[in-house]
């Protein structure tokens, strides 16, 4: 059975980039926002070698991230009365002190850290912050013992871990879920007046697009049909809505919004009225 390949998120995230030049250094800053990722900053220089020598390319930025995570793990564990990394290390040393020298191997460290992380998960739930912190600490100890002081390899691992995280974030659809949650939170923060203004803006865009469409005589046969007009105007209206950071409109919704506009502009013929007025067809 073939494994499913990760797919990029299907949500059409808004991706903004702002480019800033800095003198006299000659550096360029790109400020970016996309979906739930509020901002990221990348520094570039015309001299590619100079760019690669910067801390973020050498892995120092990822190392700072690791340090902050390690510190946070201690807080999460202490909050629920669990041991931290240094206390587990003390346990390891106590056990090793009672063993013959030839048995004081890294396997002892690995076993005790894994057992401790498992017990934290059993006690608080494996999805709890404490269990996540314990697994992070246990994996960290195993990794750093294997790295054995090689700082270059250590930074390379940190960089890979960060790249892995963002690839998974996109490929597994987690960014899509995060963006939906962020949009939902923002929507709850908006008052009725703001939502009403957003709805009014869409109505103005729809009305403006239809007025231009109906004023063109070549559309004389279709301007009286909500379905026909919606089919022609949908792409243009959605483009404008997207440019203004508004959600695209569905064809059925657009048809429903166009119907009263058309009925007001081109009322249905009443018995005895003069011929010539287009009738509503959609």
C-alpha atoms as a PDB file:
ATOM      1  CA  UNK A   1       0.000   0.000   0.000  1.00  0.00           C
ATOM      2  CA  UNK A   2       1.460   3.299  -1.113  1.00  0.00           C
ATOM      3  CA  UNK A   3       1.780   6.096   1.411  1.00  0.00           C
ATOM      4  CA  UNK A   4      -0.010   9.319   0.611  1.00  0.00           C
ATOM      5  CA  UNK A   5       2.338  12.115  -0.272  1.00  0.00           C
ATOM      6  CA  UNK A   6       2.010  15.395   1.622  1.00  0.00           C
ATOM      7  CA  UNK A   7       0.080  17.957  -0.356  1.00  0.00           C
ATOM      8  CA  UNK A   8       0.345  21.740  -0.117  1.00  0.00           C
ATOM      9  CA  UNK A   9      -2.562  23.394   1.677  1.00  0.00           C
ATOM     10  CA  UNK A  10      -5.559  24.122  -0.542  1.00  0.00           C
ATOM     11  CA  UNK A  11      -6.465  27.394   1.137  1.00  0.00           C
ATOM     12  CA  UNK A  12      -5.604  30.407  -0.989  1.00  0.00           C
ATOM     13  CA  UNK A  13      -3.415  32.157   1.577  1.00  0.00           C
ATOM     14  CA  UNK A  14      -2.712  35.842   1.152  1.00  0.00           C
ATOM     15  CA  UNK A  15       1.046  36.226   0.757  1.00  0.00           C
ATOM     16  CA  UNK A  16       2.408  39.753   1.235  1.00  0.00           C
ATOM     17  CA  UNK A  17       6.026  40.803   0.786  1.00  0.00           C
ATOM     18  CA  UNK A  18       7.561  44.176   1.544  1.00  0.00           C
ATOM     19  CA  UNK A  19      11.084  44.895   0.319  1.00  0.00           C
ATOM     20  CA  UNK A  20      13.290  47.374   2.159  1.00  0.00           C
ATOM     21  CA  UNK A  21      16.758  48.538   1.106  1.00  0.00           C
ATOM     22  CA  UNK A  22      19.327  49.546   3.731  1.00  0.00           C
ATOM     23  CA  UNK A  23      22.268  51.851   3.181  1.00  0.00           C
ATOM     24  CA  UNK A  24      25.230  51.926   3.442  1.00  0.00           C
ATOM     25  CA  UNK A  25      25.291  48.171   4.199  1.00  0.00           C
ATOM     26  CA  UNK A  26      23.580  47.315   0.909  1.00  0.00           C
ATOM     27  CA  UNK A  27      21.376  44.772   2.647  1.00  0.00           C
ATOM     28  CA  UNK A  28      17.771  44.057   1.711  1.00  0.00           C
ATOM     29  CA  UNK A  29      15.042  43.038   4.120  1.00  0.00           C
ATOM     30  CA  UNK A  30      11.997  41.076   2.979  1.00  0.00           C
ATOM     31  CA  UNK A  31       9.121  41.237   5.432  1.00  0.00           C
ATOM     32  CA  UNK A  32       6.544  38.574   4.691  1.00  0.00           C
ATOM     33  CA  UNK A  33       3.172  37.440   5.991  1.00  0.00           C
ATOM     34  CA  UNK A  34       1.249  34.385   4.820  1.00  0.00           C
ATOM     35  CA  UNK A  35      -1.748  32.725   6.389  1.00  0.00           C
ATOM     36  CA  UNK A  36      -1.199  32.066  10.080  1.00  0.00           C
ATOM     37  CA  UNK A  37       2.482  32.955   9.809  1.00  0.00           C
ATOM     38  CA  UNK A  38       2.225  36.555  10.754  1.00  0.00           C
ATOM     39  CA  UNK A  39       5.730  37.642   9.764  1.00  0.00           C
ATOM     40  CA  UNK A  40       9.120  36.380   8.790  1.00  0.00           C
ATOM     41  CA  UNK A  41      12.227  38.371   7.974  1.00  0.00           C
ATOM     42  CA  UNK A  42      15.027  37.393   5.638  1.00  0.00           C
ATOM     43  CA  UNK A  43      18.169  39.470   5.131  1.00  0.00           C
ATOM     44  CA  UNK A  44      19.892  39.291   1.763  1.00  0.00           C
ATOM     45  CA  UNK A  45      23.026  40.873   0.368  1.00  0.00           C
ATOM     46  CA  UNK A  46      24.215  41.238  -3.197  1.00  0.00           C
ATOM     47  CA  UNK A  47      27.308  39.328  -2.131  1.00  0.00           C
ATOM     48  CA  UNK A  48      26.005  35.761  -1.797  1.00  0.00           C
ATOM     49  CA  UNK A  49      28.946  34.642   0.360  1.00  0.00           C
ATOM     50  CA  UNK A  50      28.207  37.449   2.809  1.00  0.00           C
ATOM     51  CA  UNK A  51      24.586  36.314   2.948  1.00  0.00           C
ATOM     52  CA  UNK A  52      25.605  32.756   3.771  1.00  0.00           C
ATOM     53  CA  UNK A  53      27.869  33.964   6.563  1.00  0.00           C
ATOM     54  CA  UNK A  54      24.952  35.471   8.466  1.00  0.00           C
ATOM     55  CA  UNK A  55      23.799  33.839  11.723  1.00  0.00           C
ATOM     56  CA  UNK A  56      20.511  32.494  10.380  1.00  0.00           C
ATOM     57  CA  UNK A  57      22.282  30.684   7.534  1.00  0.00           C
ATOM     58  CA  UNK A  58      24.875  29.265   9.932  1.00  0.00           C
ATOM     59  CA  UNK A  59      22.186  27.778  12.144  1.00  0.00           C
ATOM     60  CA  UNK A  60      22.605  30.158  15.079  1.00  0.00           C
ATOM     61  CA  UNK A  61      19.005  31.364  14.816  1.00  0.00           C
ATOM     62  CA  UNK A  62      17.711  27.792  14.978  1.00  0.00           C
ATOM     63  CA  UNK A  63      20.011  27.201  17.961  1.00  0.00           C
ATOM     64  CA  UNK A  64      18.399  30.167  19.729  1.00  0.00           C
ATOM     65  CA  UNK A  65      15.005  28.612  19.022  1.00  0.00           C
ATOM     66  CA  UNK A  66      16.158  25.338  20.580  1.00  0.00           C
ATOM     67  CA  UNK A  67      17.397  27.165  23.687  1.00  0.00           C
ATOM     68  CA  UNK A  68      14.041  28.896  24.142  1.00  0.00           C
ATOM     69  CA  UNK A  69      12.184  25.580  23.713  1.00  0.00           C
ATOM     70  CA  UNK A  70      14.444  23.888  26.250  1.00  0.00           C
ATOM     71  CA  UNK A  71      13.770  26.657  28.769  1.00  0.00           C
ATOM     72  CA  UNK A  72      10.016  26.477  28.133  1.00  0.00           C
ATOM     73  CA  UNK A  73      10.037  22.710  28.681  1.00  0.00           C
ATOM     74  CA  UNK A  74      11.264  23.288  32.224  1.00  0.00           C
ATOM     75  CA  UNK A  75       8.386  25.673  32.932  1.00  0.00           C
ATOM     76  CA  UNK A  76       5.775  23.267  31.554  1.00  0.00           C
ATOM     77  CA  UNK A  77       7.103  20.390  33.643  1.00  0.00           C
ATOM     78  CA  UNK A  78       7.426  22.383  36.862  1.00  0.00           C
ATOM     79  CA  UNK A  79       3.879  23.695  36.488  1.00  0.00           C
ATOM     80  CA  UNK A  80       2.505  20.177  37.017  1.00  0.00           C
ATOM     81  CA  UNK A  81       5.097  19.096  39.575  1.00  0.00           C
ATOM     82  CA  UNK A  82       7.193  16.923  37.245  1.00  0.00           C
ATOM     83  CA  UNK A  83      10.965  16.583  37.153  1.00  0.00           C
ATOM     84  CA  UNK A  84      12.977  18.712  34.776  1.00  0.00           C
ATOM     85  CA  UNK A  85      15.959  17.693  32.627  1.00  0.00           C
ATOM     86  CA  UNK A  86      18.527  18.290  35.357  1.00  0.00           C
ATOM     87  CA  UNK A  87      16.584  16.264  37.922  1.00  0.00           C
ATOM     88  CA  UNK A  88      16.333  13.325  35.520  1.00  0.00           C
ATOM     89  CA  UNK A  89      20.096  13.612  34.897  1.00  0.00           C
ATOM     90  CA  UNK A  90      20.585  13.282  38.663  1.00  0.00           C
ATOM     91  CA  UNK A  91      18.493  10.079  38.567  1.00  0.00           C
ATOM     92  CA  UNK A  92      20.650   8.752  35.754  1.00  0.00           C
ATOM     93  CA  UNK A  93      23.842   9.434  37.694  1.00  0.00           C
ATOM     94  CA  UNK A  94      22.482   7.704  40.792  1.00  0.00           C
ATOM     95  CA  UNK A  95      21.614   4.587  38.813  1.00  0.00           C
ATOM     96  CA  UNK A  96      24.980   4.554  37.042  1.00  0.00           C
ATOM     97  CA  UNK A  97      26.818   4.896  40.349  1.00  0.00           C
ATOM     98  CA  UNK A  98      25.412   1.535  41.408  1.00  0.00           C
ATOM     99  CA  UNK A  99      26.406  -0.222  38.173  1.00  0.00           C
ATOM    100  CA  UNK A 100      29.751  -1.762  37.186  1.00  0.00           C
ATOM    101  CA  UNK A 101      31.848   0.629  35.033  1.00  0.00           C
ATOM    102  CA  UNK A 102      31.328  -1.437  31.881  1.00  0.00           C
ATOM    103  CA  UNK A 103      27.530  -1.046  32.166  1.00  0.00           C
ATOM    104  CA  UNK A 104      27.548   2.732  32.557  1.00  0.00           C
ATOM    105  CA  UNK A 105      26.649   3.340  28.916  1.00  0.00           C
ATOM    106  CA  UNK A 106      24.407   5.718  27.059  1.00  0.00           C
ATOM    107  CA  UNK A 107      21.761   3.002  26.965  1.00  0.00           C
ATOM    108  CA  UNK A 108      21.157   3.664  30.656  1.00  0.00           C
ATOM    109  CA  UNK A 109      20.518   7.375  29.960  1.00  0.00           C
ATOM    110  CA  UNK A 110      18.220   6.531  27.064  1.00  0.00           C
ATOM    111  CA  UNK A 111      16.183   4.036  29.083  1.00  0.00           C
ATOM    112  CA  UNK A 112      15.710   6.308  32.105  1.00  0.00           C
ATOM    113  CA  UNK A 113      14.754   9.349  30.011  1.00  0.00           C
ATOM    114  CA  UNK A 114      12.307   7.333  27.901  1.00  0.00           C
ATOM    115  CA  UNK A 115      10.748   5.737  30.999  1.00  0.00           C
ATOM    116  CA  UNK A 116      10.376   9.167  32.616  1.00  0.00           C
ATOM    117  CA  UNK A 117       8.766  10.686  29.498  1.00  0.00           C
ATOM    118  CA  UNK A 118       6.378   7.730  29.232  1.00  0.00           C
ATOM    119  CA  UNK A 119       5.331   8.084  32.866  1.00  0.00           C
ATOM    120  CA  UNK A 120       4.643  11.813  32.385  1.00  0.00           C
ATOM    121  CA  UNK A 121       2.458  10.956  29.394  1.00  0.00           C
ATOM    122  CA  UNK A 122       0.586   8.257  31.311  1.00  0.00           C
ATOM    123  CA  UNK A 123      -0.046  10.641  34.191  1.00  0.00           C
ATOM    124  CA  UNK A 124      -1.092  13.786  32.296  1.00  0.00           C
ATOM    125  CA  UNK A 125      -2.064  12.466  28.855  1.00  0.00           C
ATOM    126  CA  UNK A 126       0.291  12.117  25.894  1.00  0.00           C
ATOM    127  CA  UNK A 127      -1.089  15.242  24.237  1.00  0.00           C
ATOM    128  CA  UNK A 128      -0.595  17.373  27.346  1.00  0.00           C
ATOM    129  CA  UNK A 129       2.001  20.183  27.375  1.00  0.00           C
ATOM    130  CA  UNK A 130       3.919  18.331  30.094  1.00  0.00           C
ATOM    131  CA  UNK A 131       4.148  15.132  28.009  1.00  0.00           C
ATOM    132  CA  UNK A 132       5.211  17.098  24.941  1.00  0.00           C
ATOM    133  CA  UNK A 133       7.898  18.814  27.019  1.00  0.00           C
ATOM    134  CA  UNK A 134       9.092  15.503  28.452  1.00  0.00           C
ATOM    135  CA  UNK A 135       9.358  13.912  24.996  1.00  0.00           C
ATOM    136  CA  UNK A 136      11.242  16.965  23.757  1.00  0.00           C
ATOM    137  CA  UNK A 137      13.700  16.748  26.658  1.00  0.00           C
ATOM    138  CA  UNK A 138      14.135  12.975  26.276  1.00  0.00           C
ATOM    139  CA  UNK A 139      14.793  13.242  22.530  1.00  0.00           C
ATOM    140  CA  UNK A 140      17.091  16.205  23.116  1.00  0.00           C
ATOM    141  CA  UNK A 141      19.229  14.273  25.578  1.00  0.00           C
ATOM    142  CA  UNK A 142      19.557  11.335  23.170  1.00  0.00           C
ATOM    143  CA  UNK A 143      20.449  13.622  20.261  1.00  0.00           C
ATOM    144  CA  UNK A 144      23.064  15.654  22.118  1.00  0.00           C
ATOM    145  CA  UNK A 145      24.802  12.565  23.466  1.00  0.00           C
ATOM    146  CA  UNK A 146      25.125  11.266  19.905  1.00  0.00           C
ATOM    147  CA  UNK A 147      26.337  14.658  18.640  1.00  0.00           C
ATOM    148  CA  UNK A 148      29.005  14.554  21.357  1.00  0.00           C
ATOM    149  CA  UNK A 149      29.955  18.242  21.307  1.00  0.00           C
ATOM    150  CA  UNK A 150      30.100  18.698  17.515  1.00  0.00           C
ATOM    151  CA  UNK A 151      28.626  22.218  17.327  1.00  0.00           C
ATOM    152  CA  UNK A 152      28.495  22.344  13.526  1.00  0.00           C
ATOM    153  CA  UNK A 153      26.531  19.079  13.377  1.00  0.00           C
ATOM    154  CA  UNK A 154      24.343  20.308  16.222  1.00  0.00           C
ATOM    155  CA  UNK A 155      23.420  23.508  14.363  1.00  0.00           C
ATOM    156  CA  UNK A 156      22.795  21.518  11.190  1.00  0.00           C
ATOM    157  CA  UNK A 157      20.337  19.313  13.080  1.00  0.00           C
ATOM    158  CA  UNK A 158      18.567  22.358  14.501  1.00  0.00           C
ATOM    159  CA  UNK A 159      18.213  23.808  10.983  1.00  0.00           C
ATOM    160  CA  UNK A 160      16.865  20.537   9.643  1.00  0.00           C
ATOM    161  CA  UNK A 161      14.397  20.283  12.545  1.00  0.00           C
ATOM    162  CA  UNK A 162      13.089  23.750  11.746  1.00  0.00           C
ATOM    163  CA  UNK A 163      12.824  22.975   8.017  1.00  0.00           C
ATOM    164  CA  UNK A 164      11.050  19.706   8.888  1.00  0.00           C
ATOM    165  CA  UNK A 165       8.584  21.593  11.093  1.00  0.00           C
ATOM    166  CA  UNK A 166       7.577  24.112   8.409  1.00  0.00           C
ATOM    167  CA  UNK A 167       7.379  21.463   5.687  1.00  0.00           C
ATOM    168  CA  UNK A 168       5.074  19.389   7.865  1.00  0.00           C
ATOM    169  CA  UNK A 169       3.111  22.527   8.739  1.00  0.00           C
ATOM    170  CA  UNK A 170       2.363  23.030   5.043  1.00  0.00           C
ATOM    171  CA  UNK A 171       2.325  19.443   3.761  1.00  0.00           C
ATOM    172  CA  UNK A 172       0.057  17.964   6.436  1.00  0.00           C
ATOM    173  CA  UNK A 173      -2.539  20.737   6.186  1.00  0.00           C
ATOM    174  CA  UNK A 174      -1.687  22.142   9.615  1.00  0.00           C
ATOM    175  CA  UNK A 175      -1.191  25.638   8.205  1.00  0.00           C
ATOM    176  CA  UNK A 176      -4.660  25.467   6.690  1.00  0.00           C
ATOM    177  CA  UNK A 177      -6.196  24.532  10.048  1.00  0.00           C
ATOM    178  CA  UNK A 178      -4.182  27.225  11.842  1.00  0.00           C
ATOM    179  CA  UNK A 179      -5.274  29.858   9.319  1.00  0.00           C
ATOM    180  CA  UNK A 180      -8.918  28.837   9.664  1.00  0.00           C
ATOM    181  CA  UNK A 181      -8.621  29.073  13.442  1.00  0.00           C
ATOM    182  CA  UNK A 182      -6.960  32.474  13.178  1.00  0.00           C
ATOM    183  CA  UNK A 183      -9.656  33.740  10.837  1.00  0.00           C
ATOM    184  CA  UNK A 184     -12.316  32.429  13.212  1.00  0.00           C
ATOM    185  CA  UNK A 185     -10.697  34.190  16.172  1.00  0.00           C
ATOM    186  CA  UNK A 186     -10.481  37.424  14.225  1.00  0.00           C
ATOM    187  CA  UNK A 187     -14.113  37.098  13.173  1.00  0.00           C
ATOM    188  CA  UNK A 188     -15.211  36.659  16.791  1.00  0.00           C
ATOM    189  CA  UNK A 189     -13.287  39.806  17.703  1.00  0.00           C
ATOM    190  CA  UNK A 190     -15.100  41.873  15.094  1.00  0.00           C
ATOM    191  CA  UNK A 191     -18.230  43.665  16.202  1.00  0.00           C
ATOM    192  CA  UNK A 192     -21.540  43.610  14.301  1.00  0.00           C
ATOM    193  CA  UNK A 193     -20.793  47.020  12.816  1.00  0.00           C
ATOM    194  CA  UNK A 194     -17.519  45.824  11.263  1.00  0.00           C
ATOM    195  CA  UNK A 195     -19.166  42.726   9.785  1.00  0.00           C
ATOM    196  CA  UNK A 196     -21.977  44.868   8.409  1.00  0.00           C
ATOM    197  CA  UNK A 197     -19.481  47.219   6.800  1.00  0.00           C
ATOM    198  CA  UNK A 198     -17.699  44.274   5.183  1.00  0.00           C
ATOM    199  CA  UNK A 199     -21.032  43.031   3.802  1.00  0.00           C
ATOM    200  CA  UNK A 200     -21.887  46.501   2.532  1.00  0.00           C
ATOM    201  CA  UNK A 201     -18.550  46.714   0.728  1.00  0.00           C
ATOM    202  CA  UNK A 202     -19.263  43.475  -1.116  1.00  0.00           C
ATOM    203  CA  UNK A 203     -22.690  44.707  -2.122  1.00  0.00           C
ATOM    204  CA  UNK A 204     -21.149  47.893  -3.491  1.00  0.00           C
ATOM    205  CA  UNK A 205     -18.658  45.879  -5.537  1.00  0.00           C
ATOM    206  CA  UNK A 206     -21.432  43.662  -6.918  1.00  0.00           C
ATOM    207  CA  UNK A 207     -23.633  46.643  -7.740  1.00  0.00           C
ATOM    208  CA  UNK A 208     -20.810  48.553  -9.415  1.00  0.00           C
ATOM    209  CA  UNK A 209     -19.805  45.550 -11.528  1.00  0.00           C
ATOM    210  CA  UNK A 210     -23.379  44.914 -12.596  1.00  0.00           C
ATOM    211  CA  UNK A 211     -24.062  48.559 -13.454  1.00  0.00           C
ATOM    212  CA  UNK A 212     -21.079  48.594 -15.820  1.00  0.00           C
ATOM    213  CA  UNK A 213     -22.195  45.266 -17.293  1.00  0.00           C
ATOM    214  CA  UNK A 214     -25.804  46.390 -17.812  1.00  0.00           C
ATOM    215  CA  UNK A 215     -24.774  49.726 -19.351  1.00  0.00           C
ATOM    216  CA  UNK A 216     -23.041  47.940 -22.234  1.00  0.00           C
ATOM    217  CA  UNK A 217     -25.560  47.397 -25.024  1.00  0.00           C
ATOM    218  CA  UNK A 218     -23.845  44.230 -26.183  1.00  0.00           C
ATOM    219  CA  UNK A 219     -25.102  42.665 -22.925  1.00  0.00           C
ATOM    220  CA  UNK A 220     -28.698  43.660 -23.671  1.00  0.00           C
ATOM    221  CA  UNK A 221     -29.917  40.084 -23.973  1.00  0.00           C
ATOM    222  CA  UNK A 222     -28.240  38.795 -20.797  1.00  0.00           C
ATOM    223  CA  UNK A 223     -28.407  41.750 -18.418  1.00  0.00           C
ATOM    224  CA  UNK A 224     -31.955  40.810 -17.390  1.00  0.00           C
ATOM    225  CA  UNK A 225     -30.846  37.352 -16.197  1.00  0.00           C
ATOM    226  CA  UNK A 226     -29.247  36.977 -12.768  1.00  0.00           C
ATOM    227  CA  UNK A 227     -27.751  33.614 -13.736  1.00  0.00           C
ATOM    228  CA  UNK A 228     -26.276  34.912 -16.983  1.00  0.00           C
ATOM    229  CA  UNK A 229     -24.876  38.069 -15.370  1.00  0.00           C
ATOM    230  CA  UNK A 230     -23.410  36.117 -12.454  1.00  0.00           C
ATOM    231  CA  UNK A 231     -21.646  33.754 -14.847  1.00  0.00           C
ATOM    232  CA  UNK A 232     -19.979  36.676 -16.611  1.00  0.00           C
ATOM    233  CA  UNK A 233     -19.180  38.779 -13.526  1.00  0.00           C
ATOM    234  CA  UNK A 234     -18.052  36.142 -11.025  1.00  0.00           C
ATOM    235  CA  UNK A 235     -14.344  36.196 -11.882  1.00  0.00           C
ATOM    236  CA  UNK A 236     -14.079  39.985 -11.933  1.00  0.00           C
ATOM    237  CA  UNK A 237     -15.957  40.413  -8.642  1.00  0.00           C
ATOM    238  CA  UNK A 238     -13.914  37.739  -6.876  1.00  0.00           C
ATOM    239  CA  UNK A 239     -10.692  39.316  -8.096  1.00  0.00           C
ATOM    240  CA  UNK A 240     -11.707  42.637  -6.540  1.00  0.00           C
ATOM    241  CA  UNK A 241     -12.795  40.961  -3.304  1.00  0.00           C
ATOM    242  CA  UNK A 242      -9.458  39.134  -3.060  1.00  0.00           C
ATOM    243  CA  UNK A 243      -7.503  42.324  -3.633  1.00  0.00           C
ATOM    244  CA  UNK A 244      -9.413  43.889  -0.749  1.00  0.00           C
ATOM    245  CA  UNK A 245      -8.764  40.908   1.565  1.00  0.00           C
ATOM    246  CA  UNK A 246     -12.345  39.665   1.343  1.00  0.00           C
ATOM    247  CA  UNK A 247     -13.535  36.098   0.830  1.00  0.00           C
ATOM    248  CA  UNK A 248     -14.538  35.149  -2.745  1.00  0.00           C
ATOM    249  CA  UNK A 249     -18.250  34.808  -3.429  1.00  0.00           C
ATOM    250  CA  UNK A 250     -19.933  31.621  -4.694  1.00  0.00           C
ATOM    251  CA  UNK A 251     -21.841  31.650  -7.989  1.00  0.00           C
ATOM    252  CA  UNK A 252     -25.162  30.887  -6.254  1.00  0.00           C
ATOM    253  CA  UNK A 253     -24.656  33.674  -3.710  1.00  0.00           C
ATOM    254  CA  UNK A 254     -23.809  36.142  -6.469  1.00  0.00           C
ATOM    255  CA  UNK A 255     -26.892  35.085  -8.424  1.00  0.00           C
ATOM    256  CA  UNK A 256     -29.079  35.643  -5.349  1.00  0.00           C
ATOM    257  CA  UNK A 257     -27.532  39.086  -4.747  1.00  0.00           C
ATOM    258  CA  UNK A 258     -27.960  40.133  -8.370  1.00  0.00           C
ATOM    259  CA  UNK A 259     -31.617  39.123  -8.580  1.00  0.00           C
ATOM    260  CA  UNK A 260     -33.092  42.054  -6.543  1.00  0.00           C
ATOM    261  CA  UNK A 261     -30.733  44.495  -8.310  1.00  0.00           C
ATOM    262  CA  UNK A 262     -31.988  43.343 -11.703  1.00  0.00           C
ATOM    263  CA  UNK A 263     -35.611  43.315 -10.585  1.00  0.00           C
ATOM    264  CA  UNK A 264     -35.290  46.942  -9.505  1.00  0.00           C
ATOM    265  CA  UNK A 265     -33.524  48.029 -12.682  1.00  0.00           C
ATOM    266  CA  UNK A 266     -35.624  45.957 -15.047  1.00  0.00           C
ATOM    267  CA  UNK A 267     -39.007  45.313 -13.401  1.00  0.00           C
ATOM    268  CA  UNK A 268     -41.019  42.437 -14.785  1.00  0.00           C
ATOM    269  CA  UNK A 269     -43.666  43.459 -17.266  1.00  0.00           C
ATOM    270  CA  UNK A 270     -47.142  43.912 -15.872  1.00  0.00           C
ATOM    271  CA  UNK A 271     -50.246  43.303 -17.892  1.00  0.00           C
ATOM    272  CA  UNK A 272     -50.950  46.324 -20.048  1.00  0.00           C
ATOM    273  CA  UNK A 273     -47.429  47.747 -19.784  1.00  0.00           C
ATOM    274  CA  UNK A 274     -45.541  48.934 -22.840  1.00  0.00           C
ATOM    275  CA  UNK A 275     -43.455  46.247 -24.578  1.00  0.00           C
ATOM    276  CA  UNK A 276     -39.699  46.430 -24.825  1.00  0.00           C
ATOM    277  CA  UNK A 277     -38.527  45.997 -21.234  1.00  0.00           C
ATOM    278  CA  UNK A 278     -36.317  42.972 -20.702  1.00  0.00           C
ATOM    279  CA  UNK A 279     -37.771  40.376 -18.363  1.00  0.00           C
ATOM    280  CA  UNK A 280     -36.078  38.481 -15.572  1.00  0.00           C
ATOM    281  CA  UNK A 281     -34.953  35.098 -16.869  1.00  0.00           C
ATOM    282  CA  UNK A 282     -32.720  33.730 -14.077  1.00  0.00           C
END
